[in-house]
């Protein structure tokens, strides 16, 4: 992955999070964050 692709990907992710926060709020972001942490834990187990 080149630096330019990484920067654009980061900008898109942050833009999506800001839009989601503006339209809906933060309640489900906490839920998704916890589920993502569980996913990382599961992936680390298979490493």
PDB file of N, CA and C in Angstrom:
ATOM      1  N   UNK A   1       0.854  -1.168   0.000  1.00  0.00           N
ATOM      2  CA  UNK A   1       0.000   0.000   0.000  1.00  0.00           C
ATOM      3  C   UNK A   1       0.900   1.231   0.000  1.00  0.00           C
ATOM      4  N   UNK A   2       0.644   2.114  -0.894  1.00  0.00           N
ATOM      5  CA  UNK A   2       1.433   3.338  -0.960  1.00  0.00           C
ATOM      6  C   UNK A   2       0.930   4.345   0.067  1.00  0.00           C
ATOM      7  N   UNK A   3       1.742   5.364   0.309  1.00  0.00           N
ATOM      8  CA  UNK A   3       1.346   6.394   1.276  1.00  0.00           C
ATOM      9  C   UNK A   3       0.096   7.136   0.826  1.00  0.00           C
ATOM     10  N   UNK A   4      -0.018   7.387  -0.455  1.00  0.00           N
ATOM     11  CA  UNK A   4      -1.173   8.116  -0.965  1.00  0.00           C
ATOM     12  C   UNK A   4      -2.460   7.321  -0.753  1.00  0.00           C
ATOM     13  N   UNK A   5      -2.418   6.032  -0.996  1.00  0.00           N
ATOM     14  CA  UNK A   5      -3.604   5.199  -0.771  1.00  0.00           C
ATOM     15  C   UNK A   5      -3.945   5.150   0.717  1.00  0.00           C
ATOM     16  N   UNK A   6      -2.942   5.034   1.573  1.00  0.00           N
ATOM     17  CA  UNK A   6      -3.183   4.991   3.021  1.00  0.00           C
ATOM     18  C   UNK A   6      -3.796   6.290   3.522  1.00  0.00           C
ATOM     19  N   UNK A   7      -3.327   7.406   3.015  1.00  0.00           N
ATOM     20  CA  UNK A   7      -3.867   8.700   3.431  1.00  0.00           C
ATOM     21  C   UNK A   7      -5.321   8.833   2.992  1.00  0.00           C
ATOM     22  N   UNK A   8      -5.626   8.479   1.747  1.00  0.00           N
ATOM     23  CA  UNK A   8      -7.006   8.580   1.258  1.00  0.00           C
ATOM     24  C   UNK A   8      -7.927   7.629   2.012  1.00  0.00           C
ATOM     25  N   UNK A   9      -7.438   6.450   2.312  1.00  0.00           N
ATOM     26  CA  UNK A   9      -8.245   5.507   3.074  1.00  0.00           C
ATOM     27  C   UNK A   9      -8.543   6.044   4.470  1.00  0.00           C
ATOM     28  N   UNK A  10      -7.539   6.631   5.114  1.00  0.00           N
ATOM     29  CA  UNK A  10      -7.748   7.238   6.429  1.00  0.00           C
ATOM     30  C   UNK A  10      -8.717   8.400   6.381  1.00  0.00           C
ATOM     31  N   UNK A  11      -8.617   9.228   5.335  1.00  0.00           N
ATOM     32  CA  UNK A  11      -9.533  10.364   5.182  1.00  0.00           C
ATOM     33  C   UNK A  11     -10.963   9.866   4.978  1.00  0.00           C
ATOM     34  N   UNK A  12     -11.141   8.826   4.177  1.00  0.00           N
ATOM     35  CA  UNK A  12     -12.477   8.278   3.947  1.00  0.00           C
ATOM     36  C   UNK A  12     -13.077   7.694   5.217  1.00  0.00           C
ATOM     37  N   UNK A  13     -12.277   6.983   5.985  1.00  0.00           N
ATOM     38  CA  UNK A  13     -12.765   6.388   7.229  1.00  0.00           C
ATOM     39  C   UNK A  13     -13.145   7.478   8.230  1.00  0.00           C
ATOM     40  N   UNK A  14     -12.280   8.470   8.404  1.00  0.00           N
ATOM     41  CA  UNK A  14     -12.584   9.557   9.332  1.00  0.00           C
ATOM     42  C   UNK A  14     -13.786  10.369   8.869  1.00  0.00           C
ATOM     43  N   UNK A  15     -13.899  10.588   7.569  1.00  0.00           N
ATOM     44  CA  UNK A  15     -15.060  11.302   7.047  1.00  0.00           C
ATOM     45  C   UNK A  15     -16.342  10.536   7.292  1.00  0.00           C
ATOM     46  N   UNK A  16     -16.300   9.224   7.113  1.00  0.00           N
ATOM     47  CA  UNK A  16     -17.475   8.401   7.381  1.00  0.00           C
ATOM     48  C   UNK A  16     -17.861   8.417   8.842  1.00  0.00           C
ATOM     49  N   UNK A  17     -16.879   8.382   9.724  1.00  0.00           N
ATOM     50  CA  UNK A  17     -17.171   8.435  11.157  1.00  0.00           C
ATOM     51  C   UNK A  17     -17.757   9.783  11.557  1.00  0.00           C
ATOM     52  N   UNK A  18     -17.221  10.864  10.990  1.00  0.00           N
ATOM     53  CA  UNK A  18     -17.755  12.192  11.310  1.00  0.00           C
ATOM     54  C   UNK A  18     -19.180  12.351  10.793  1.00  0.00           C
ATOM     55  N   UNK A  19     -19.453  11.847   9.607  1.00  0.00           N
ATOM     56  CA  UNK A  19     -20.802  11.915   9.051  1.00  0.00           C
ATOM     57  C   UNK A  19     -21.765  11.081   9.891  1.00  0.00           C
ATOM     58  N   UNK A  20     -21.330   9.906  10.288  1.00  0.00           N
ATOM     59  CA  UNK A  20     -22.159   9.048  11.129  1.00  0.00           C
ATOM     60  C   UNK A  20     -22.450   9.715  12.465  1.00  0.00           C
ATOM     61  N   UNK A  21     -21.450  10.336  13.053  1.00  0.00           N
ATOM     62  CA  UNK A  21     -21.631  11.041  14.326  1.00  0.00           C
ATOM     63  C   UNK A  21     -22.609  12.198  14.166  1.00  0.00           C
ATOM     64  N   UNK A  22     -22.523  12.929  13.070  1.00  0.00           N
ATOM     65  CA  UNK A  22     -23.394  14.080  12.856  1.00  0.00           C
ATOM     66  C   UNK A  22     -24.840  13.656  12.621  1.00  0.00           C
ATOM     67  N   UNK A  23     -25.051  12.539  11.952  1.00  0.00           N
ATOM     68  CA  UNK A  23     -26.408  12.129  11.598  1.00  0.00           C
ATOM     69  C   UNK A  23     -27.092  11.288  12.670  1.00  0.00           C
ATOM     70  N   UNK A  24     -26.348  10.412  13.327  1.00  0.00           N
ATOM     71  CA  UNK A  24     -26.981   9.435  14.212  1.00  0.00           C
ATOM     72  C   UNK A  24     -26.571   9.611  15.672  1.00  0.00           C
ATOM     73  N   UNK A  25     -25.319   9.866  15.942  1.00  0.00           N
ATOM     74  CA  UNK A  25     -24.850   9.956  17.321  1.00  0.00           C
ATOM     75  C   UNK A  25     -23.766   8.925  17.572  1.00  0.00           C
ATOM     76  N   UNK A  26     -23.482   8.682  18.833  1.00  0.00           N
ATOM     77  CA  UNK A  26     -22.336   7.840  19.168  1.00  0.00           C
ATOM     78  C   UNK A  26     -22.696   6.513  19.819  1.00  0.00           C
ATOM     79  N   UNK A  27     -23.972   6.231  20.047  1.00  0.00           N
ATOM     80  CA  UNK A  27     -24.333   5.030  20.795  1.00  0.00           C
ATOM     81  C   UNK A  27     -23.858   3.761  20.094  1.00  0.00           C
ATOM     82  N   UNK A  28     -24.100   3.652  18.818  1.00  0.00           N
ATOM     83  CA  UNK A  28     -23.734   2.427  18.119  1.00  0.00           C
ATOM     84  C   UNK A  28     -22.246   2.378  17.797  1.00  0.00           C
ATOM     85  N   UNK A  29     -21.552   3.518  17.806  1.00  0.00           N
ATOM     86  CA  UNK A  29     -20.103   3.494  17.571  1.00  0.00           C
ATOM     87  C   UNK A  29     -19.382   2.785  18.720  1.00  0.00           C
ATOM     88  N   UNK A  30     -19.882   2.955  19.925  1.00  0.00           N
ATOM     89  CA  UNK A  30     -19.303   2.250  21.070  1.00  0.00           C
ATOM     90  C   UNK A  30     -19.502   0.747  20.918  1.00  0.00           C
ATOM     91  N   UNK A  31     -20.689   0.342  20.490  1.00  0.00           N
ATOM     92  CA  UNK A  31     -20.966  -1.075  20.254  1.00  0.00           C
ATOM     93  C   UNK A  31     -20.038  -1.635  19.172  1.00  0.00           C
ATOM     94  N   UNK A  32     -19.905  -0.913  18.074  1.00  0.00           N
ATOM     95  CA  UNK A  32     -19.044  -1.380  16.989  1.00  0.00           C
ATOM     96  C   UNK A  32     -17.577  -1.412  17.409  1.00  0.00           C
ATOM     97  N   UNK A  33     -17.170  -0.466  18.239  1.00  0.00           N
ATOM     98  CA  UNK A  33     -15.801  -0.463  18.746  1.00  0.00           C
ATOM     99  C   UNK A  33     -15.516  -1.688  19.595  1.00  0.00           C
ATOM    100  N   UNK A  34     -16.473  -2.058  20.445  1.00  0.00           N
ATOM    101  CA  UNK A  34     -16.299  -3.254  21.275  1.00  0.00           C
ATOM    102  C   UNK A  34     -16.238  -4.519  20.415  1.00  0.00           C
ATOM    103  N   UNK A  35     -17.094  -4.587  19.399  1.00  0.00           N
ATOM    104  CA  UNK A  35     -17.092  -5.756  18.514  1.00  0.00           C
ATOM    105  C   UNK A  35     -15.801  -5.826  17.702  1.00  0.00           C
ATOM    106  N   UNK A  36     -15.277  -4.676  17.288  1.00  0.00           N
ATOM    107  CA  UNK A  36     -14.020  -4.648  16.548  1.00  0.00           C
ATOM    108  C   UNK A  36     -12.870  -5.109  17.439  1.00  0.00           C
ATOM    109  N   UNK A  37     -12.897  -4.715  18.713  1.00  0.00           N
ATOM    110  CA  UNK A  37     -11.878  -5.175  19.652  1.00  0.00           C
ATOM    111  C   UNK A  37     -11.941  -6.696  19.820  1.00  0.00           C
ATOM    112  N   UNK A  38     -13.141  -7.245  19.900  1.00  0.00           N
ATOM    113  CA  UNK A  38     -13.302  -8.698  19.985  1.00  0.00           C
ATOM    114  C   UNK A  38     -12.761  -9.373  18.728  1.00  0.00           C
ATOM    115  N   UNK A  39     -13.008  -8.772  17.575  1.00  0.00           N
ATOM    116  CA  UNK A  39     -12.489  -9.318  16.319  1.00  0.00           C
ATOM    117  C   UNK A  39     -10.965  -9.317  16.314  1.00  0.00           C
ATOM    118  N   UNK A  40     -10.358  -8.228  16.763  1.00  0.00           N
ATOM    119  CA  UNK A  40      -8.896  -8.170  16.826  1.00  0.00           C
ATOM    120  C   UNK A  40      -8.342  -9.224  17.776  1.00  0.00           C
ATOM    121  N   UNK A  41      -9.015  -9.432  18.882  1.00  0.00           N
ATOM    122  CA  UNK A  41      -8.594 -10.453  19.835  1.00  0.00           C
ATOM    123  C   UNK A  41      -8.678 -11.834  19.195  1.00  0.00           C
ATOM    124  N   UNK A  42      -9.739 -12.087  18.447  1.00  0.00           N
ATOM    125  CA  UNK A  42      -9.916 -13.375  17.786  1.00  0.00           C
ATOM    126  C   UNK A  42      -8.863 -13.585  16.703  1.00  0.00           C
ATOM    127  N   UNK A  43      -8.559 -12.538  15.939  1.00  0.00           N
ATOM    128  CA  UNK A  43      -7.549 -12.642  14.883  1.00  0.00           C
ATOM    129  C   UNK A  43      -6.167 -12.863  15.489  1.00  0.00           C
ATOM    130  N   UNK A  44      -5.875 -12.199  16.608  1.00  0.00           N
ATOM    131  CA  UNK A  44      -4.596 -12.373  17.272  1.00  0.00           C
ATOM    132  C   UNK A  44      -4.446 -13.811  17.776  1.00  0.00           C
ATOM    133  N   UNK A  45      -5.544 -14.451  18.150  1.00  0.00           N
ATOM    134  CA  UNK A  45      -5.492 -15.837  18.599  1.00  0.00           C
ATOM    135  C   UNK A  45      -5.022 -16.744  17.461  1.00  0.00           C
ATOM    136  N   UNK A  46      -5.466 -16.485  16.245  1.00  0.00           N
ATOM    137  CA  UNK A  46      -5.103 -17.326  15.117  1.00  0.00           C
ATOM    138  C   UNK A  46      -3.729 -17.021  14.564  1.00  0.00           C
ATOM    139  N   UNK A  47      -3.132 -15.974  15.028  1.00  0.00           N
ATOM    140  CA  UNK A  47      -1.786 -15.637  14.581  1.00  0.00           C
ATOM    141  C   UNK A  47      -0.854 -16.620  15.182  1.00  0.00           C
TER     142      UNK A  47
END
